[in-house]
Amino acid sequence: MENPEASRLFHRTALLLLTIFALLSSLMIVRLALGKTNPIWATPTATLACFLFAVLHACTRLGWKQALTLLALCFGISLFFESVGVATGWVYGGYHYLGGLGPSFLGLVPFLIPLAWFMMMYPAFLMSRWLTPRLSNRWLRTFCLAGLGGVIMAAWDLTLDPLMVLGGQWLWKIPGAYFGIPIQNYFGWCLTTFLTFASFLLLWPSQLEAYAADVRTSAVWDRWAFLSFLVNELGIVVASLIFNLAGSALVGFFAVCPWLLLAWWKTAEAIHPARAV
């Protein structure tokens, strides 16, 4: 973002939204641990706060045109695939939403869902961008970055989906092999993310590079996005443990954490180059 004053305002607002999201997530976990039901507004409000954090972070990190492009692609592709999935069973397998997530698009997919896709896809994109080798071939780098993003998103869903099914947010018509979730679902997550990231990078090839003008500042700012991903994952893991879903909680946690740790390590190299081993 070219205007320094606007950039500082966006930074502060983004961090405030991340704080609100973390506090709401913690409050919901505490209520669940005490055996209390969370109010109906809690999940949508927390999701909206995290989504707005991702949007503001993206505007300052990618540029507002690029950020809105990624948002539009994520919203459009995820909503299209989810709608097709609910209507036909393609992409993810046969499932339908149960009405607990608010108003829906054509009665098929809650509008909250594509917002949630973006709030997780964006930090996954940043992690993938740091972790993908700086290959000279642009097409190969695009393929690797988009593919890694799909793996990270599918890893996150390993914990999310079993918990949401238990919580009555959606229902699988034919339960699958992974804690009742069809394996096809995870291929669908990889495909959705891959097409979103690949389309974005084809439109904005300059976004293949993790670094901005100030490498250290880029690394420090990206870590806040990684933290949003971590807070989300930890909340789902703890909730899963509360509801006796230890299996999916542990699988998801150990599937996600390596990517977060590797991305944190890569940013550490940029922040403290003299300490890099």
C-alpha atoms as a PDB file:
ATOM      1  CA  MET A   1       0.000   0.000   0.000  1.00  0.00           C
ATOM      2  CA  GLU A   2       1.565   3.269  -1.151  1.00  0.00           C
ATOM      3  CA  ASN A   3       0.036   5.659   1.409  1.00  0.00           C
ATOM      4  CA  PRO A   4       2.001   5.257   4.695  1.00  0.00           C
ATOM      5  CA  GLU A   5      -0.813   6.651   6.859  1.00  0.00           C
ATOM      6  CA  ALA A   6      -3.385   4.325   5.299  1.00  0.00           C
ATOM      7  CA  SER A   7      -0.981   1.421   5.626  1.00  0.00           C
ATOM      8  CA  ARG A   8      -0.482   2.062   9.356  1.00  0.00           C
ATOM      9  CA  LEU A   9      -4.240   2.325   9.865  1.00  0.00           C
ATOM     10  CA  PHE A  10      -4.791  -0.955   8.037  1.00  0.00           C
ATOM     11  CA  HIS A  11      -2.060  -2.627  10.125  1.00  0.00           C
ATOM     12  CA  ARG A  12      -3.554  -1.472  13.413  1.00  0.00           C
ATOM     13  CA  THR A  13      -7.097  -2.375  12.416  1.00  0.00           C
ATOM     14  CA  ALA A  14      -5.975  -5.789  11.198  1.00  0.00           C
ATOM     15  CA  LEU A  15      -4.214  -6.538  14.485  1.00  0.00           C
ATOM     16  CA  LEU A  16      -7.281  -5.379  16.432  1.00  0.00           C
ATOM     17  CA  LEU A  17      -9.453  -7.762  14.398  1.00  0.00           C
ATOM     18  CA  LEU A  18      -7.019 -10.615  15.005  1.00  0.00           C
ATOM     19  CA  THR A  19      -7.144  -9.866  18.736  1.00  0.00           C
ATOM     20  CA  ILE A  20     -10.955  -9.894  18.685  1.00  0.00           C
ATOM     21  CA  PHE A  21     -10.913 -13.201  16.820  1.00  0.00           C
ATOM     22  CA  ALA A  22      -8.488 -14.754  19.315  1.00  0.00           C
ATOM     23  CA  LEU A  23     -10.509 -13.529  22.302  1.00  0.00           C
ATOM     24  CA  LEU A  24     -13.799 -14.763  20.855  1.00  0.00           C
ATOM     25  CA  SER A  25     -12.263 -18.130  20.023  1.00  0.00           C
ATOM     26  CA  SER A  26     -10.909 -18.441  23.563  1.00  0.00           C
ATOM     27  CA  LEU A  27     -14.264 -17.466  25.054  1.00  0.00           C
ATOM     28  CA  MET A  28     -16.085 -20.078  22.978  1.00  0.00           C
ATOM     29  CA  ILE A  29     -13.607 -22.771  24.027  1.00  0.00           C
ATOM     30  CA  VAL A  30     -13.987 -21.882  27.704  1.00  0.00           C
ATOM     31  CA  ARG A  31     -17.780 -22.060  27.425  1.00  0.00           C
ATOM     32  CA  LEU A  32     -17.566 -25.443  25.733  1.00  0.00           C
ATOM     33  CA  ALA A  33     -15.219 -26.714  28.444  1.00  0.00           C
ATOM     34  CA  LEU A  34     -17.776 -25.612  31.052  1.00  0.00           C
ATOM     35  CA  GLY A  35     -20.532 -27.484  29.247  1.00  0.00           C
ATOM     36  CA  LYS A  36     -22.274 -24.347  28.019  1.00  0.00           C
ATOM     37  CA  THR A  37     -23.663 -23.705  24.548  1.00  0.00           C
ATOM     38  CA  ASN A  38     -22.185 -20.794  22.648  1.00  0.00           C
ATOM     39  CA  PRO A  39     -24.586 -18.045  21.498  1.00  0.00           C
ATOM     40  CA  ILE A  40     -25.681 -18.237  17.867  1.00  0.00           C
ATOM     41  CA  TRP A  41     -23.769 -15.066  16.961  1.00  0.00           C
ATOM     42  CA  ALA A  42     -20.404 -16.285  18.275  1.00  0.00           C
ATOM     43  CA  THR A  43     -19.175 -18.365  15.325  1.00  0.00           C
ATOM     44  CA  PRO A  44     -20.284 -15.895  12.599  1.00  0.00           C
ATOM     45  CA  THR A  45     -18.757 -12.970  14.503  1.00  0.00           C
ATOM     46  CA  ALA A  46     -15.438 -14.743  15.044  1.00  0.00           C
ATOM     47  CA  THR A  47     -15.359 -15.831  11.396  1.00  0.00           C
ATOM     48  CA  LEU A  48     -16.110 -12.297  10.206  1.00  0.00           C
ATOM     49  CA  ALA A  49     -13.351 -10.837  12.411  1.00  0.00           C
ATOM     50  CA  CYS A  50     -10.794 -13.300  11.062  1.00  0.00           C
ATOM     51  CA  PHE A  51     -11.992 -12.756   7.491  1.00  0.00           C
ATOM     52  CA  LEU A  52     -11.638  -8.971   7.793  1.00  0.00           C
ATOM     53  CA  PHE A  53      -8.181  -9.422   9.301  1.00  0.00           C
ATOM     54  CA  ALA A  54      -7.191 -11.480   6.245  1.00  0.00           C
ATOM     55  CA  VAL A  55      -8.603  -8.873   3.851  1.00  0.00           C
ATOM     56  CA  LEU A  56      -6.767  -5.965   5.508  1.00  0.00           C
ATOM     57  CA  HIS A  57      -3.571  -7.972   5.832  1.00  0.00           C
ATOM     58  CA  ALA A  58      -3.767  -8.900   2.154  1.00  0.00           C
ATOM     59  CA  CYS A  59      -4.313  -5.272   1.117  1.00  0.00           C
ATOM     60  CA  THR A  60      -1.139  -4.180   2.900  1.00  0.00           C
ATOM     61  CA  ARG A  61       0.915  -7.234   1.900  1.00  0.00           C
ATOM     62  CA  LEU A  62      -0.163  -7.906  -1.690  1.00  0.00           C
ATOM     63  CA  GLY A  63      -1.612  -4.571  -2.732  1.00  0.00           C
ATOM     64  CA  TRP A  64      -5.331  -3.803  -2.789  1.00  0.00           C
ATOM     65  CA  LYS A  65      -5.890  -4.830  -6.429  1.00  0.00           C
ATOM     66  CA  GLN A  66      -4.151  -8.145  -5.909  1.00  0.00           C
ATOM     67  CA  ALA A  67      -5.913  -8.700  -2.576  1.00  0.00           C
ATOM     68  CA  LEU A  68      -9.349  -8.125  -4.108  1.00  0.00           C
ATOM     69  CA  THR A  69      -8.440 -10.407  -7.015  1.00  0.00           C
ATOM     70  CA  LEU A  70      -7.513 -13.225  -4.626  1.00  0.00           C
ATOM     71  CA  LEU A  71     -10.673 -12.581  -2.593  1.00  0.00           C
ATOM     72  CA  ALA A  72     -12.890 -12.663  -5.702  1.00  0.00           C
ATOM     73  CA  LEU A  73     -11.275 -15.866  -6.980  1.00  0.00           C
ATOM     74  CA  CYS A  74     -11.517 -17.557  -3.601  1.00  0.00           C
ATOM     75  CA  PHE A  75     -15.126 -16.485  -3.065  1.00  0.00           C
ATOM     76  CA  GLY A  76     -16.231 -17.403  -6.589  1.00  0.00           C
ATOM     77  CA  ILE A  77     -14.412 -20.740  -6.931  1.00  0.00           C
ATOM     78  CA  SER A  78     -15.206 -22.005  -3.438  1.00  0.00           C
ATOM     79  CA  LEU A  79     -18.864 -20.965  -3.661  1.00  0.00           C
ATOM     80  CA  PHE A  80     -19.199 -22.558  -7.111  1.00  0.00           C
ATOM     81  CA  PHE A  81     -17.556 -25.827  -6.066  1.00  0.00           C
ATOM     82  CA  GLU A  82     -19.473 -25.971  -2.783  1.00  0.00           C
ATOM     83  CA  SER A  83     -22.768 -25.332  -4.588  1.00  0.00           C
ATOM     84  CA  VAL A  84     -22.006 -28.025  -7.153  1.00  0.00           C
ATOM     85  CA  GLY A  85     -20.950 -30.328  -4.340  1.00  0.00           C
ATOM     86  CA  VAL A  86     -24.154 -29.886  -2.365  1.00  0.00           C
ATOM     87  CA  ALA A  87     -26.350 -30.171  -5.463  1.00  0.00           C
ATOM     88  CA  THR A  88     -24.642 -33.147  -7.124  1.00  0.00           C
ATOM     89  CA  GLY A  89     -22.171 -34.794  -4.752  1.00  0.00           C
ATOM     90  CA  TRP A  90     -19.278 -33.993  -7.072  1.00  0.00           C
ATOM     91  CA  VAL A  91     -16.021 -32.404  -5.912  1.00  0.00           C
ATOM     92  CA  TYR A  92     -16.213 -33.260  -2.196  1.00  0.00           C
ATOM     93  CA  GLY A  93     -18.751 -36.081  -2.032  1.00  0.00           C
ATOM     94  CA  GLY A  94     -22.422 -36.046  -1.108  1.00  0.00           C
ATOM     95  CA  TYR A  95     -23.258 -33.667   1.742  1.00  0.00           C
ATOM     96  CA  HIS A  96     -25.573 -30.826   2.717  1.00  0.00           C
ATOM     97  CA  TYR A  97     -25.610 -27.996   5.242  1.00  0.00           C
ATOM     98  CA  LEU A  98     -28.054 -28.124   8.136  1.00  0.00           C
ATOM     99  CA  GLY A  99     -28.902 -24.431   8.495  1.00  0.00           C
ATOM    100  CA  GLY A 100     -26.814 -23.468  11.502  1.00  0.00           C
ATOM    101  CA  LEU A 101     -24.446 -21.147   9.628  1.00  0.00           C
ATOM    102  CA  GLY A 102     -26.901 -18.494   8.525  1.00  0.00           C
ATOM    103  CA  PRO A 103     -28.327 -17.419   5.148  1.00  0.00           C
ATOM    104  CA  SER A 104     -27.423 -19.564   2.149  1.00  0.00           C
ATOM    105  CA  PHE A 105     -26.719 -19.028  -1.552  1.00  0.00           C
ATOM    106  CA  LEU A 106     -29.662 -20.554  -3.478  1.00  0.00           C
ATOM    107  CA  GLY A 107     -30.472 -22.529  -0.348  1.00  0.00           C
ATOM    108  CA  LEU A 108     -27.307 -24.581  -0.865  1.00  0.00           C
ATOM    109  CA  VAL A 109     -24.228 -23.018   0.753  1.00  0.00           C
ATOM    110  CA  PRO A 110     -24.121 -20.530   3.645  1.00  0.00           C
ATOM    111  CA  PHE A 111     -22.491 -17.244   2.646  1.00  0.00           C
ATOM    112  CA  LEU A 112     -20.249 -17.657   5.687  1.00  0.00           C
ATOM    113  CA  ILE A 113     -18.481 -20.585   3.976  1.00  0.00           C
ATOM    114  CA  PRO A 114     -16.598 -18.681   1.217  1.00  0.00           C
ATOM    115  CA  LEU A 115     -15.590 -16.110   3.840  1.00  0.00           C
ATOM    116  CA  ALA A 116     -14.102 -18.943   5.900  1.00  0.00           C
ATOM    117  CA  TRP A 117     -12.342 -20.279   2.802  1.00  0.00           C
ATOM    118  CA  PHE A 118     -10.612 -16.928   2.300  1.00  0.00           C
ATOM    119  CA  MET A 119      -9.654 -16.403   5.929  1.00  0.00           C
ATOM    120  CA  MET A 120      -7.749 -19.718   5.810  1.00  0.00           C
ATOM    121  CA  MET A 121      -6.643 -19.703   2.167  1.00  0.00           C
ATOM    122  CA  TYR A 122      -4.866 -16.377   2.534  1.00  0.00           C
ATOM    123  CA  PRO A 123      -2.426 -17.419   5.304  1.00  0.00           C
ATOM    124  CA  ALA A 124      -2.016 -20.772   3.523  1.00  0.00           C
ATOM    125  CA  PHE A 125      -0.988 -18.828   0.408  1.00  0.00           C
ATOM    126  CA  LEU A 126       1.612 -16.867   2.365  1.00  0.00           C
ATOM    127  CA  MET A 127       2.998 -20.036   3.947  1.00  0.00           C
ATOM    128  CA  SER A 128       3.183 -21.736   0.564  1.00  0.00           C
ATOM    129  CA  ARG A 129       4.909 -18.728  -0.950  1.00  0.00           C
ATOM    130  CA  TRP A 130       7.641 -18.793   1.696  1.00  0.00           C
ATOM    131  CA  LEU A 131       8.069 -22.563   1.481  1.00  0.00           C
ATOM    132  CA  THR A 132       8.060 -23.056  -2.283  1.00  0.00           C
ATOM    133  CA  PRO A 133      11.620 -23.193  -3.715  1.00  0.00           C
ATOM    134  CA  ARG A 134      12.587 -20.200  -5.858  1.00  0.00           C
ATOM    135  CA  LEU A 135      12.496 -22.137  -9.113  1.00  0.00           C
ATOM    136  CA  SER A 136      13.525 -20.386 -12.312  1.00  0.00           C
ATOM    137  CA  ASN A 137      10.625 -21.887 -14.239  1.00  0.00           C
ATOM    138  CA  ARG A 138       7.573 -19.735 -13.456  1.00  0.00           C
ATOM    139  CA  TRP A 139       5.068 -22.419 -14.453  1.00  0.00           C
ATOM    140  CA  LEU A 140       6.681 -25.058 -12.265  1.00  0.00           C
ATOM    141  CA  ARG A 141       6.853 -22.651  -9.319  1.00  0.00           C
ATOM    142  CA  THR A 142       3.173 -21.787  -9.810  1.00  0.00           C
ATOM    143  CA  PHE A 143       2.263 -25.481  -9.844  1.00  0.00           C
ATOM    144  CA  CYS A 144       4.308 -26.218  -6.719  1.00  0.00           C
ATOM    145  CA  LEU A 145       2.999 -23.211  -4.789  1.00  0.00           C
ATOM    146  CA  ALA A 146      -0.655 -23.902  -5.652  1.00  0.00           C
ATOM    147  CA  GLY A 147      -0.219 -27.602  -4.923  1.00  0.00           C
ATOM    148  CA  LEU A 148       1.386 -26.971  -1.534  1.00  0.00           C
ATOM    149  CA  GLY A 149      -1.427 -24.558  -0.679  1.00  0.00           C
ATOM    150  CA  GLY A 150      -3.933 -27.312  -1.393  1.00  0.00           C
ATOM    151  CA  VAL A 151      -2.079 -29.716   0.904  1.00  0.00           C
ATOM    152  CA  ILE A 152      -2.024 -27.164   3.746  1.00  0.00           C
ATOM    153  CA  MET A 153      -5.737 -26.450   3.421  1.00  0.00           C
ATOM    154  CA  ALA A 154      -6.625 -30.150   3.310  1.00  0.00           C
ATOM    155  CA  ALA A 155      -4.465 -30.698   6.414  1.00  0.00           C
ATOM    156  CA  TRP A 156      -6.480 -28.047   8.262  1.00  0.00           C
ATOM    157  CA  ASP A 157      -9.743 -29.722   7.289  1.00  0.00           C
ATOM    158  CA  LEU A 158      -8.581 -33.005   8.836  1.00  0.00           C
ATOM    159  CA  THR A 159      -9.542 -31.497  12.197  1.00  0.00           C
ATOM    160  CA  LEU A 160     -12.337 -29.189  11.097  1.00  0.00           C
ATOM    161  CA  ASP A 161     -14.675 -31.536   9.270  1.00  0.00           C
ATOM    162  CA  PRO A 162     -15.238 -34.208  11.958  1.00  0.00           C
ATOM    163  CA  LEU A 163     -15.933 -31.478  14.538  1.00  0.00           C
ATOM    164  CA  MET A 164     -18.407 -29.615  12.308  1.00  0.00           C
ATOM    165  CA  VAL A 165     -20.280 -32.828  11.498  1.00  0.00           C
ATOM    166  CA  LEU A 166     -20.535 -33.654  15.206  1.00  0.00           C
ATOM    167  CA  GLY A 167     -21.718 -30.094  15.853  1.00  0.00           C
ATOM    168  CA  GLY A 168     -24.519 -30.446  13.312  1.00  0.00           C
ATOM    169  CA  GLN A 169     -23.255 -27.885  10.797  1.00  0.00           C
ATOM    170  CA  TRP A 170     -23.309 -30.265   7.810  1.00  0.00           C
ATOM    171  CA  LEU A 171     -24.031 -33.913   7.129  1.00  0.00           C
ATOM    172  CA  TRP A 172     -22.420 -36.458   4.825  1.00  0.00           C
ATOM    173  CA  LYS A 173     -24.908 -38.626   2.948  1.00  0.00           C
ATOM    174  CA  ILE A 174     -22.533 -41.592   2.955  1.00  0.00           C
ATOM    175  CA  PRO A 175     -20.002 -41.452   5.817  1.00  0.00           C
ATOM    176  CA  GLY A 176     -16.432 -42.068   4.735  1.00  0.00           C
ATOM    177  CA  ALA A 177     -13.285 -43.782   5.960  1.00  0.00           C
ATOM    178  CA  TYR A 178     -11.703 -40.846   7.809  1.00  0.00           C
ATOM    179  CA  PHE A 179     -13.685 -40.406  11.038  1.00  0.00           C
ATOM    180  CA  GLY A 180     -16.855 -40.509   8.955  1.00  0.00           C
ATOM    181  CA  ILE A 181     -15.539 -38.106   6.282  1.00  0.00           C
ATOM    182  CA  PRO A 182     -15.136 -39.317   2.652  1.00  0.00           C
ATOM    183  CA  ILE A 183     -11.549 -39.270   1.386  1.00  0.00           C
ATOM    184  CA  GLN A 184     -12.878 -37.564  -1.756  1.00  0.00           C
ATOM    185  CA  ASN A 185     -13.522 -34.477   0.372  1.00  0.00           C
ATOM    186  CA  TYR A 186      -9.812 -33.874   0.849  1.00  0.00           C
ATOM    187  CA  PHE A 187      -9.061 -34.170  -2.850  1.00  0.00           C
ATOM    188  CA  GLY A 188     -11.808 -31.567  -3.314  1.00  0.00           C
ATOM    189  CA  TRP A 189     -10.111 -29.235  -0.853  1.00  0.00           C
ATOM    190  CA  CYS A 190      -6.806 -29.616  -2.707  1.00  0.00           C
ATOM    191  CA  LEU A 191      -8.503 -28.953  -6.053  1.00  0.00           C
ATOM    192  CA  THR A 192     -10.387 -25.869  -4.830  1.00  0.00           C
ATOM    193  CA  THR A 193      -7.258 -24.317  -3.356  1.00  0.00           C
ATOM    194  CA  PHE A 194      -5.040 -25.281  -6.284  1.00  0.00           C
ATOM    195  CA  LEU A 195      -7.331 -23.675  -8.860  1.00  0.00           C
ATOM    196  CA  THR A 196      -7.707 -20.523  -6.751  1.00  0.00           C
ATOM    197  CA  PHE A 197      -3.978 -20.025  -6.234  1.00  0.00           C
ATOM    198  CA  ALA A 198      -3.010 -21.018  -9.776  1.00  0.00           C
ATOM    199  CA  SER A 199      -5.572 -18.611 -11.251  1.00  0.00           C
ATOM    200  CA  PHE A 200      -4.351 -15.817  -9.005  1.00  0.00           C
ATOM    201  CA  LEU A 201      -0.696 -16.393  -9.908  1.00  0.00           C
ATOM    202  CA  LEU A 202      -1.486 -16.497 -13.610  1.00  0.00           C
ATOM    203  CA  LEU A 203      -3.150 -13.104 -13.281  1.00  0.00           C
ATOM    204  CA  TRP A 204      -0.478 -11.677 -10.965  1.00  0.00           C
ATOM    205  CA  PRO A 205       2.799 -13.555 -11.631  1.00  0.00           C
ATOM    206  CA  SER A 206       4.718 -11.015  -9.539  1.00  0.00           C
ATOM    207  CA  GLN A 207       3.032 -12.554  -6.475  1.00  0.00           C
ATOM    208  CA  LEU A 208       5.158 -15.680  -6.856  1.00  0.00           C
ATOM    209  CA  GLU A 209       7.840 -13.968  -4.770  1.00  0.00           C
ATOM    210  CA  ALA A 210       7.555 -13.932  -0.995  1.00  0.00           C
ATOM    211  CA  TYR A 211       9.633 -10.812  -0.571  1.00  0.00           C
ATOM    212  CA  ALA A 212       8.590  -7.185  -0.841  1.00  0.00           C
ATOM    213  CA  ALA A 213      10.961  -4.219  -0.889  1.00  0.00           C
ATOM    214  CA  ASP A 214      11.773  -4.733   2.794  1.00  0.00           C
ATOM    215  CA  VAL A 215      12.342  -8.465   3.331  1.00  0.00           C
ATOM    216  CA  ARG A 216      12.419  -8.254   7.128  1.00  0.00           C
ATOM    217  CA  THR A 217       9.189  -6.242   7.322  1.00  0.00           C
ATOM    218  CA  SER A 218       7.499  -8.693   4.955  1.00  0.00           C
ATOM    219  CA  ALA A 219       8.539 -11.637   7.124  1.00  0.00           C
ATOM    220  CA  VAL A 220       7.404 -10.034  10.390  1.00  0.00           C
ATOM    221  CA  TRP A 221       4.025  -9.018   8.948  1.00  0.00           C
ATOM    222  CA  ASP A 222       3.450 -12.460   7.416  1.00  0.00           C
ATOM    223  CA  ARG A 223       3.916 -14.065  10.813  1.00  0.00           C
ATOM    224  CA  TRP A 224       0.706 -12.380  12.004  1.00  0.00           C
ATOM    225  CA  ALA A 225      -1.158 -14.195   9.245  1.00  0.00           C
ATOM    226  CA  PHE A 226       0.481 -17.467  10.314  1.00  0.00           C
ATOM    227  CA  LEU A 227      -0.755 -16.779  13.845  1.00  0.00           C
ATOM    228  CA  SER A 228      -4.323 -16.382  12.588  1.00  0.00           C
ATOM    229  CA  PHE A 229      -4.039 -19.845  11.041  1.00  0.00           C
ATOM    230  CA  LEU A 230      -2.570 -21.233  14.282  1.00  0.00           C
ATOM    231  CA  VAL A 231      -5.261 -19.698  16.497  1.00  0.00           C
ATOM    232  CA  ASN A 232      -7.924 -21.207  14.248  1.00  0.00           C
ATOM    233  CA  GLU A 233      -6.283 -24.633  14.299  1.00  0.00           C
ATOM    234  CA  LEU A 234      -5.735 -24.644  18.066  1.00  0.00           C
ATOM    235  CA  GLY A 235      -9.351 -23.656  18.707  1.00  0.00           C
ATOM    236  CA  ILE A 236     -10.616 -26.529  16.579  1.00  0.00           C
ATOM    237  CA  VAL A 237      -8.167 -28.990  18.161  1.00  0.00           C
ATOM    238  CA  VAL A 238      -9.150 -28.056  21.716  1.00  0.00           C
ATOM    239  CA  ALA A 239     -12.878 -28.172  20.857  1.00  0.00           C
ATOM    240  CA  SER A 240     -12.344 -31.593  19.284  1.00  0.00           C
ATOM    241  CA  LEU A 241     -10.670 -32.842  22.460  1.00  0.00           C
ATOM    242  CA  ILE A 242     -13.564 -31.512  24.551  1.00  0.00           C
ATOM    243  CA  PHE A 243     -16.004 -33.490  22.404  1.00  0.00           C
ATOM    244  CA  ASN A 244     -13.905 -36.685  22.528  1.00  0.00           C
ATOM    245  CA  LEU A 245     -12.589 -36.406  18.970  1.00  0.00           C
ATOM    246  CA  ALA A 246      -8.999 -36.995  20.038  1.00  0.00           C
ATOM    247  CA  GLY A 247      -8.175 -38.986  16.909  1.00  0.00           C
ATOM    248  CA  SER A 248      -9.011 -36.300  14.366  1.00  0.00           C
ATOM    249  CA  ALA A 249      -7.629 -33.599  16.689  1.00  0.00           C
ATOM    250  CA  LEU A 250      -4.205 -35.239  16.832  1.00  0.00           C
ATOM    251  CA  VAL A 251      -4.104 -36.126  13.147  1.00  0.00           C
ATOM    252  CA  GLY A 252      -5.042 -32.586  12.127  1.00  0.00           C
ATOM    253  CA  PHE A 253      -2.676 -30.960  14.603  1.00  0.00           C
ATOM    254  CA  PHE A 254       0.345 -32.952  13.433  1.00  0.00           C
ATOM    255  CA  ALA A 255      -0.647 -32.454   9.787  1.00  0.00           C
ATOM    256  CA  VAL A 256      -0.798 -28.666  10.121  1.00  0.00           C
ATOM    257  CA  CYS A 257       2.026 -27.910  12.556  1.00  0.00           C
ATOM    258  CA  PRO A 258       4.960 -28.906  10.295  1.00  0.00           C
ATOM    259  CA  TRP A 259       3.881 -26.363   7.683  1.00  0.00           C
ATOM    260  CA  LEU A 260       3.449 -23.627  10.285  1.00  0.00           C
ATOM    261  CA  LEU A 261       6.824 -24.395  11.870  1.00  0.00           C
ATOM    262  CA  LEU A 262       8.609 -24.509   8.513  1.00  0.00           C
ATOM    263  CA  ALA A 263       7.056 -21.211   7.441  1.00  0.00           C
ATOM    264  CA  TRP A 264       8.005 -19.626  10.771  1.00  0.00           C
ATOM    265  CA  TRP A 265      11.560 -20.899  10.324  1.00  0.00           C
ATOM    266  CA  LYS A 266      11.759 -19.490   6.787  1.00  0.00           C
ATOM    267  CA  THR A 267      10.637 -16.070   7.992  1.00  0.00           C
ATOM    268  CA  ALA A 268      13.204 -16.296  10.806  1.00  0.00           C
ATOM    269  CA  GLU A 269      15.902 -16.568   8.146  1.00  0.00           C
ATOM    270  CA  ALA A 270      14.681 -13.275   6.680  1.00  0.00           C
ATOM    271  CA  ILE A 271      14.289 -11.512  10.028  1.00  0.00           C
ATOM    272  CA  HIS A 272      17.628 -12.673  11.457  1.00  0.00           C
ATOM    273  CA  PRO A 273      19.794 -13.662   8.465  1.00  0.00           C
ATOM    274  CA  ALA A 274      22.951 -13.748  10.573  1.00  0.00           C
ATOM    275  CA  ARG A 275      21.427 -16.459  12.812  1.00  0.00           C
ATOM    276  CA  ALA A 276      20.285 -18.676   9.934  1.00  0.00           C
ATOM    277  CA  VAL A 277      21.959 -22.051   9.969  1.00  0.00           C
END
